All heavy atoms as atom14 arrays in JSON, in Angstrom:
{
  "sequence": "SFPVTTFAGNIGLVRLTRVRSRWVVATAG",
  "atom14_mask": [
    [1, 1, 1, 1, 1, 1, 0, 0, 0, 0, 0, 0, 0, 0],
    [1, 1, 1, 1, 1, 1, 1, 1, 1, 1, 1, 0, 0, 0],
    [1, 1, 1, 1, 1, 1, 1, 0, 0, 0, 0, 0, 0, 0],
    [1, 1, 1, 1, 1, 1, 1, 0, 0, 0, 0, 0, 0, 0],
    [1, 1, 1, 1, 1, 1, 1, 0, 0, 0, 0, 0, 0, 0],
    [1, 1, 1, 1, 1, 1, 1, 0, 0, 0, 0, 0, 0, 0],
    [1, 1, 1, 1, 1, 1, 1, 1, 1, 1, 1, 0, 0, 0],
    [1, 1, 1, 1, 1, 0, 0, 0, 0, 0, 0, 0, 0, 0],
    [1, 1, 1, 1, 0, 0, 0, 0, 0, 0, 0, 0, 0, 0],
    [1, 1, 1, 1, 1, 1, 1, 1, 0, 0, 0, 0, 0, 0],
    [1, 1, 1, 1, 1, 1, 1, 1, 0, 0, 0, 0, 0, 0],
    [1, 1, 1, 1, 0, 0, 0, 0, 0, 0, 0, 0, 0, 0],
    [1, 1, 1, 1, 1, 1, 1, 1, 0, 0, 0, 0, 0, 0],
    [1, 1, 1, 1, 1, 1, 1, 0, 0, 0, 0, 0, 0, 0],
    [1, 1, 1, 1, 1, 1, 1, 1, 1, 1, 1, 0, 0, 0],
    [1, 1, 1, 1, 1, 1, 1, 1, 0, 0, 0, 0, 0, 0],
    [1, 1, 1, 1, 1, 1, 1, 0, 0, 0, 0, 0, 0, 0],
    [1, 1, 1, 1, 1, 1, 1, 1, 1, 1, 1, 0, 0, 0],
    [1, 1, 1, 1, 1, 1, 1, 0, 0, 0, 0, 0, 0, 0],
    [1, 1, 1, 1, 1, 1, 1, 1, 1, 1, 1, 0, 0, 0],
    [1, 1, 1, 1, 1, 1, 0, 0, 0, 0, 0, 0, 0, 0],
    [1, 1, 1, 1, 1, 1, 1, 1, 1, 1, 1, 0, 0, 0],
    [1, 1, 1, 1, 1, 1, 1, 1, 1, 1, 1, 1, 1, 1],
    [1, 1, 1, 1, 1, 1, 1, 0, 0, 0, 0, 0, 0, 0],
    [1, 1, 1, 1, 1, 1, 1, 0, 0, 0, 0, 0, 0, 0],
    [1, 1, 1, 1, 1, 0, 0, 0, 0, 0, 0, 0, 0, 0],
    [1, 1, 1, 1, 1, 1, 1, 0, 0, 0, 0, 0, 0, 0],
    [1, 1, 1, 1, 1, 0, 0, 0, 0, 0, 0, 0, 0, 0],
    [1, 1, 1, 1, 0, 0, 0, 0, 0, 0, 0, 0, 0, 0]
  ],
  "atom14_positions": [
    [[0.83, -1.24, 0.02], [0.0, 0.02, -0.02], [0.89, 1.29, 0.04], [2.08, 1.21, -0.14], [-0.87, 0.0, 1.24], [-1.8, 1.18, 1.21], [0.0, 0.0, 0.0], [0.0, 0.0, 0.0], [0.0, 0.0, 0.0], [0.0, 0.0, 0.0], [0.0, 0.0, 0.0], [0.0, 0.0, 0.0], [0.0, 0.0, 0.0], [0.0, 0.0, 0.0]],
    [[0.28, 2.41, 0.31], [0.98, 3.7, 0.08], [0.9, 4.52, 1.47], [0.25, 4.12, 2.53], [0.29, 4.52, -0.91], [0.33, 3.61, -2.21], [-0.88, 3.28, -2.87], [1.55, 3.25, -2.71], [-0.92, 2.71, -4.11], [1.45, 2.55, -4.02], [0.32, 2.25, -4.55], [0.0, 0.0, 0.0], [0.0, 0.0, 0.0], [0.0, 0.0, 0.0]],
    [[1.49, 5.68, 1.51], [1.54, 6.54, 2.86], [0.09, 6.8, 3.41], [-0.67, 6.9, 2.53], [2.27, 7.75, 2.41], [3.13, 7.37, 1.34], [2.34, 6.29, 0.58], [0.0, 0.0, 0.0], [0.0, 0.0, 0.0], [0.0, 0.0, 0.0], [0.0, 0.0, 0.0], [0.0, 0.0, 0.0], [0.0, 0.0, 0.0], [0.0, 0.0, 0.0]],
    [[-0.13, 6.86, 4.62], [-1.47, 7.18, 5.19], [-1.35, 8.41, 5.95], [-0.18, 8.77, 6.54], [-1.94, 5.97, 6.04], [-2.16, 4.68, 5.28], [-0.93, 5.79, 7.26], [0.0, 0.0, 0.0], [0.0, 0.0, 0.0], [0.0, 0.0, 0.0], [0.0, 0.0, 0.0], [0.0, 0.0, 0.0], [0.0, 0.0, 0.0], [0.0, 0.0, 0.0]],
    [[-2.46, 9.11, 6.22], [-2.55, 10.3, 7.03], [-4.0, 10.26, 7.46], [-4.91, 9.61, 7.05], [-2.22, 11.54, 6.11], [-2.23, 12.63, 6.95], [-3.36, 11.71, 5.08], [0.0, 0.0, 0.0], [0.0, 0.0, 0.0], [0.0, 0.0, 0.0], [0.0, 0.0, 0.0], [0.0, 0.0, 0.0], [0.0, 0.0, 0.0], [0.0, 0.0, 0.0]],
    [[-4.12, 11.13, 8.49], [-5.55, 11.4, 9.08], [-6.46, 11.99, 8.0], [-6.05, 13.04, 7.46], [-5.45, 12.22, 10.29], [-4.58, 11.59, 11.16], [-6.87, 12.44, 10.97], [0.0, 0.0, 0.0], [0.0, 0.0, 0.0], [0.0, 0.0, 0.0], [0.0, 0.0, 0.0], [0.0, 0.0, 0.0], [0.0, 0.0, 0.0], [0.0, 0.0, 0.0]],
    [[-7.74, 11.46, 7.73], [-8.57, 12.04, 6.88], [-9.37, 13.21, 7.53], [-10.11, 13.05, 8.45], [-9.59, 10.86, 6.49], [-9.2, 10.24, 5.23], [-7.88, 10.1, 4.67], [-10.3, 9.5, 4.37], [-7.63, 9.58, 3.62], [-9.84, 8.94, 3.3], [-8.47, 8.84, 2.84], [0.0, 0.0, 0.0], [0.0, 0.0, 0.0], [0.0, 0.0, 0.0]],
    [[-9.18, 14.35, 6.81], [-9.84, 15.55, 7.37], [-11.41, 15.4, 7.29], [-12.15, 15.98, 8.24], [-9.35, 16.74, 6.55], [0.0, 0.0, 0.0], [0.0, 0.0, 0.0], [0.0, 0.0, 0.0], [0.0, 0.0, 0.0], [0.0, 0.0, 0.0], [0.0, 0.0, 0.0], [0.0, 0.0, 0.0], [0.0, 0.0, 0.0], [0.0, 0.0, 0.0]],
    [[-12.05, 14.72, 6.4], [-13.38, 14.6, 6.32], [-13.94, 13.91, 7.51], [-15.15, 14.26, 7.97], [0.0, 0.0, 0.0], [0.0, 0.0, 0.0], [0.0, 0.0, 0.0], [0.0, 0.0, 0.0], [0.0, 0.0, 0.0], [0.0, 0.0, 0.0], [0.0, 0.0, 0.0], [0.0, 0.0, 0.0], [0.0, 0.0, 0.0], [0.0, 0.0, 0.0]],
    [[-13.22, 13.2, 8.35], [-13.71, 12.7, 9.52], [-14.05, 13.61, 10.56], [-14.89, 13.4, 11.44], [-12.57, 11.72, 10.08], [-12.9, 10.99, 11.26], [-13.74, 10.16, 11.4], [-12.29, 11.36, 12.35], [0.0, 0.0, 0.0], [0.0, 0.0, 0.0], [0.0, 0.0, 0.0], [0.0, 0.0, 0.0], [0.0, 0.0, 0.0], [0.0, 0.0, 0.0]],
    [[-13.42, 14.81, 10.53], [-13.71, 15.99, 11.5], [-15.19, 16.25, 11.28], [-15.98, 16.4, 12.26], [-12.92, 17.13, 11.22], [-11.26, 16.82, 11.32], [-13.13, 18.24, 12.08], [-10.4, 17.83, 10.71], [0.0, 0.0, 0.0], [0.0, 0.0, 0.0], [0.0, 0.0, 0.0], [0.0, 0.0, 0.0], [0.0, 0.0, 0.0], [0.0, 0.0, 0.0]],
    [[-15.48, 16.35, 10.04], [-17.03, 16.86, 9.75], [-17.97, 15.75, 10.23], [-19.0, 16.08, 10.77], [0.0, 0.0, 0.0], [0.0, 0.0, 0.0], [0.0, 0.0, 0.0], [0.0, 0.0, 0.0], [0.0, 0.0, 0.0], [0.0, 0.0, 0.0], [0.0, 0.0, 0.0], [0.0, 0.0, 0.0], [0.0, 0.0, 0.0], [0.0, 0.0, 0.0]],
    [[-17.66, 14.54, 9.95], [-18.61, 13.48, 10.36], [-18.76, 13.39, 11.85], [-19.8, 13.17, 12.3], [-18.01, 12.11, 9.64], [-19.01, 11.02, 9.95], [-20.35, 11.29, 9.27], [-18.43, 9.66, 9.3], [0.0, 0.0, 0.0], [0.0, 0.0, 0.0], [0.0, 0.0, 0.0], [0.0, 0.0, 0.0], [0.0, 0.0, 0.0], [0.0, 0.0, 0.0]],
    [[-17.51, 13.39, 12.55], [-17.68, 13.36, 14.04], [-18.51, 14.5, 14.55], [-19.39, 14.4, 15.56], [-16.29, 13.31, 14.72], [-16.36, 13.42, 16.24], [-15.6, 12.02, 14.26], [0.0, 0.0, 0.0], [0.0, 0.0, 0.0], [0.0, 0.0, 0.0], [0.0, 0.0, 0.0], [0.0, 0.0, 0.0], [0.0, 0.0, 0.0], [0.0, 0.0, 0.0]],
    [[-18.32, 15.77, 14.11], [-18.98, 16.97, 14.56], [-20.42, 16.78, 14.14], [-21.34, 17.11, 14.95], [-18.3, 18.22, 13.9], [-19.03, 19.5, 14.26], [-18.93, 19.63, 15.86], [-19.61, 20.87, 16.28], [-20.88, 20.87, 16.65], [-21.69, 19.8, 16.46], [-21.47, 22.02, 16.98], [0.0, 0.0, 0.0], [0.0, 0.0, 0.0], [0.0, 0.0, 0.0]],
    [[-20.85, 16.52, 12.95], [-22.23, 16.34, 12.49], [-22.96, 15.37, 13.31], [-24.18, 15.62, 13.72], [-22.25, 16.16, 10.97], [-22.21, 17.27, 10.06], [-22.21, 16.88, 8.51], [-23.4, 18.33, 10.25], [0.0, 0.0, 0.0], [0.0, 0.0, 0.0], [0.0, 0.0, 0.0], [0.0, 0.0, 0.0], [0.0, 0.0, 0.0], [0.0, 0.0, 0.0]],
    [[-22.48, 14.17, 13.45], [-23.13, 13.05, 14.07], [-23.13, 13.24, 15.55], [-23.91, 12.56, 16.17], [-22.58, 11.79, 13.64], [-21.22, 11.68, 14.2], [-22.57, 11.55, 12.16], [0.0, 0.0, 0.0], [0.0, 0.0, 0.0], [0.0, 0.0, 0.0], [0.0, 0.0, 0.0], [0.0, 0.0, 0.0], [0.0, 0.0, 0.0], [0.0, 0.0, 0.0]],
    [[-22.19, 13.83, 16.13], [-22.08, 13.99, 17.57], [-21.72, 12.59, 18.28], [-21.9, 12.51, 19.42], [-23.34, 14.61, 18.22], [-23.75, 15.86, 17.67], [-24.92, 16.36, 18.3], [-26.09, 15.54, 18.22], [-26.87, 15.57, 17.15], [-26.64, 16.06, 16.12], [-27.91, 14.52, 17.2], [0.0, 0.0, 0.0], [0.0, 0.0, 0.0], [0.0, 0.0, 0.0]],
    [[-21.16, 11.66, 17.34], [-20.8, 10.41, 17.88], [-19.25, 10.42, 18.06], [-18.58, 10.58, 17.09], [-21.11, 9.28, 16.83], [-20.76, 7.93, 17.45], [-22.71, 9.08, 16.73], [0.0, 0.0, 0.0], [0.0, 0.0, 0.0], [0.0, 0.0, 0.0], [0.0, 0.0, 0.0], [0.0, 0.0, 0.0], [0.0, 0.0, 0.0], [0.0, 0.0, 0.0]],
    [[-18.93, 10.56, 19.46], [-17.49, 10.85, 19.6], [-16.63, 9.69, 20.09], [-15.52, 9.89, 20.64], [-17.48, 12.02, 20.59], [-18.27, 13.15, 20.16], [-18.04, 14.45, 21.05], [-18.55, 14.19, 22.44], [-18.36, 15.12, 23.39], [-17.86, 16.39, 23.13], [-18.65, 14.91, 24.59], [0.0, 0.0, 0.0], [0.0, 0.0, 0.0], [0.0, 0.0, 0.0]],
    [[-17.25, 8.47, 19.91], [-16.57, 7.35, 20.41], [-15.45, 6.93, 19.5], [-15.76, 6.76, 18.32], [-17.54, 6.24, 20.62], [-16.93, 4.91, 20.86], [0.0, 0.0, 0.0], [0.0, 0.0, 0.0], [0.0, 0.0, 0.0], [0.0, 0.0, 0.0], [0.0, 0.0, 0.0], [0.0, 0.0, 0.0], [0.0, 0.0, 0.0], [0.0, 0.0, 0.0]],
    [[-14.17, 6.75, 19.93], [-13.08, 6.27, 19.19], [-13.27, 4.73, 18.83], [-12.75, 4.25, 17.71], [-11.8, 6.44, 19.85], [-11.63, 5.61, 21.14], [-10.36, 6.12, 21.85], [-10.19, 5.46, 23.25], [-9.29, 4.64, 23.47], [-8.37, 4.28, 22.69], [-9.29, 4.17, 24.65], [0.0, 0.0, 0.0], [0.0, 0.0, 0.0], [0.0, 0.0, 0.0]],
    [[-14.17, 4.15, 19.6], [-14.44, 2.63, 19.26], [-15.35, 2.53, 17.97], [-15.37, 1.47, 17.42], [-15.09, 1.93, 20.4], [-14.17, 2.0, 21.65], [-14.24, 2.86, 22.76], [-12.99, 1.41, 21.84], [-13.2, 2.71, 23.57], [-12.39, 1.65, 23.07], [-12.26, 0.48, 21.1], [-11.15, 1.3, 23.55], [-11.08, -0.01, 21.52], [-10.51, 0.39, 22.7]],
    [[-16.12, 3.56, 17.65], [-16.87, 3.54, 16.44], [-15.91, 3.5, 15.26], [-16.05, 2.85, 14.31], [-17.79, 4.7, 16.38], [-18.44, 4.96, 14.93], [-18.99, 4.6, 17.35], [0.0, 0.0, 0.0], [0.0, 0.0, 0.0], [0.0, 0.0, 0.0], [0.0, 0.0, 0.0], [0.0, 0.0, 0.0], [0.0, 0.0, 0.0], [0.0, 0.0, 0.0]],
    [[-14.83, 4.4, 15.33], [-13.85, 4.41, 14.29], [-13.03, 3.23, 14.2], [-12.72, 2.79, 13.14], [-13.0, 5.64, 14.44], [-12.0, 5.8, 13.41], [-13.77, 7.0, 14.43], [0.0, 0.0, 0.0], [0.0, 0.0, 0.0], [0.0, 0.0, 0.0], [0.0, 0.0, 0.0], [0.0, 0.0, 0.0], [0.0, 0.0, 0.0], [0.0, 0.0, 0.0]],
    [[-12.79, 2.6, 15.31], [-11.98, 1.25, 15.46], [-12.88, 0.23, 14.74], [-12.24, -0.57, 13.87], [-11.84, 0.95, 16.91], [0.0, 0.0, 0.0], [0.0, 0.0, 0.0], [0.0, 0.0, 0.0], [0.0, 0.0, 0.0], [0.0, 0.0, 0.0], [0.0, 0.0, 0.0], [0.0, 0.0, 0.0], [0.0, 0.0, 0.0], [0.0, 0.0, 0.0]],
    [[-14.14, 0.29, 14.84], [-15.11, -0.63, 14.14], [-14.96, -0.5, 12.67], [-14.87, -1.45, 11.86], [-16.55, -0.48, 14.59], [-16.71, -0.58, 15.94], [-17.5, -1.47, 13.87], [0.0, 0.0, 0.0], [0.0, 0.0, 0.0], [0.0, 0.0, 0.0], [0.0, 0.0, 0.0], [0.0, 0.0, 0.0], [0.0, 0.0, 0.0], [0.0, 0.0, 0.0]],
    [[-14.93, 0.87, 12.2], [-14.73, 1.05, 10.8], [-13.37, 0.56, 10.32], [-13.24, -0.01, 9.24], [-14.78, 2.65, 10.57], [0.0, 0.0, 0.0], [0.0, 0.0, 0.0], [0.0, 0.0, 0.0], [0.0, 0.0, 0.0], [0.0, 0.0, 0.0], [0.0, 0.0, 0.0], [0.0, 0.0, 0.0], [0.0, 0.0, 0.0], [0.0, 0.0, 0.0]],
    [[-12.33, 0.67, 11.11], [-11.05, 0.02, 10.89], [-11.11, -1.45, 10.59], [-10.53, -2.05, 9.8], [0.0, 0.0, 0.0], [0.0, 0.0, 0.0], [0.0, 0.0, 0.0], [0.0, 0.0, 0.0], [0.0, 0.0, 0.0], [0.0, 0.0, 0.0], [0.0, 0.0, 0.0], [0.0, 0.0, 0.0], [0.0, 0.0, 0.0], [0.0, 0.0, 0.0]]
  ]
}
């Protein structure tokens, strides 16, 4: 694969949904 970085769009999704659990993102992983 290739270099990775934090996705900026995630900022908007966390703010809009108000779901602030890191375990939700871990599930996405």
